[in-house]
Amino acid sequence: AEPDEIVTVIDRDWGEGGGWATLGFRPLRRLPPVTFFVGPDGRRCHLGAGSNPHRRRLPPALQAEASEAEGEGGDALVERRLARRGYFPVSDAGAERHLLVLAPPAPPAPQSAHSPKYR
């Protein structure tokens, strides 16, 4: 079976993705920037549960503290409390999903009595 479409995700940290349009892709959805935290070990970790089980999360005690701070004062308070513990916020530029619809394959040409198959 042949694919009938191709979907790609463009990391907007690396550009707006204008070149994909020249290949026939069209934008589907613009995804918002994601904020994550860089910890004292220099590694990236994420706040909250999220849907990706492979993402590194904040340690459970900090996760609880961040949730409490979010309820009290929002993102700014979360960021201040985590910064005191050595976790600093970084935001990416977001992403975009683009779609390329491929032309369906042409049906096979009918065989005639003069084609090599019938000789």
Foldseek 3Di string as FASTA:
>chain_A
DDDQKDKDKFFCLVHDPPVVVVVPKDWDDWFAKAKWKQAPVRDTAHADDDDDPPGHHDPPVLNVVLVVQCVVPRDVSNQVVVVVRGIHIDIGHTMIMIMHGHDPDDDDDDDDCPDPVND
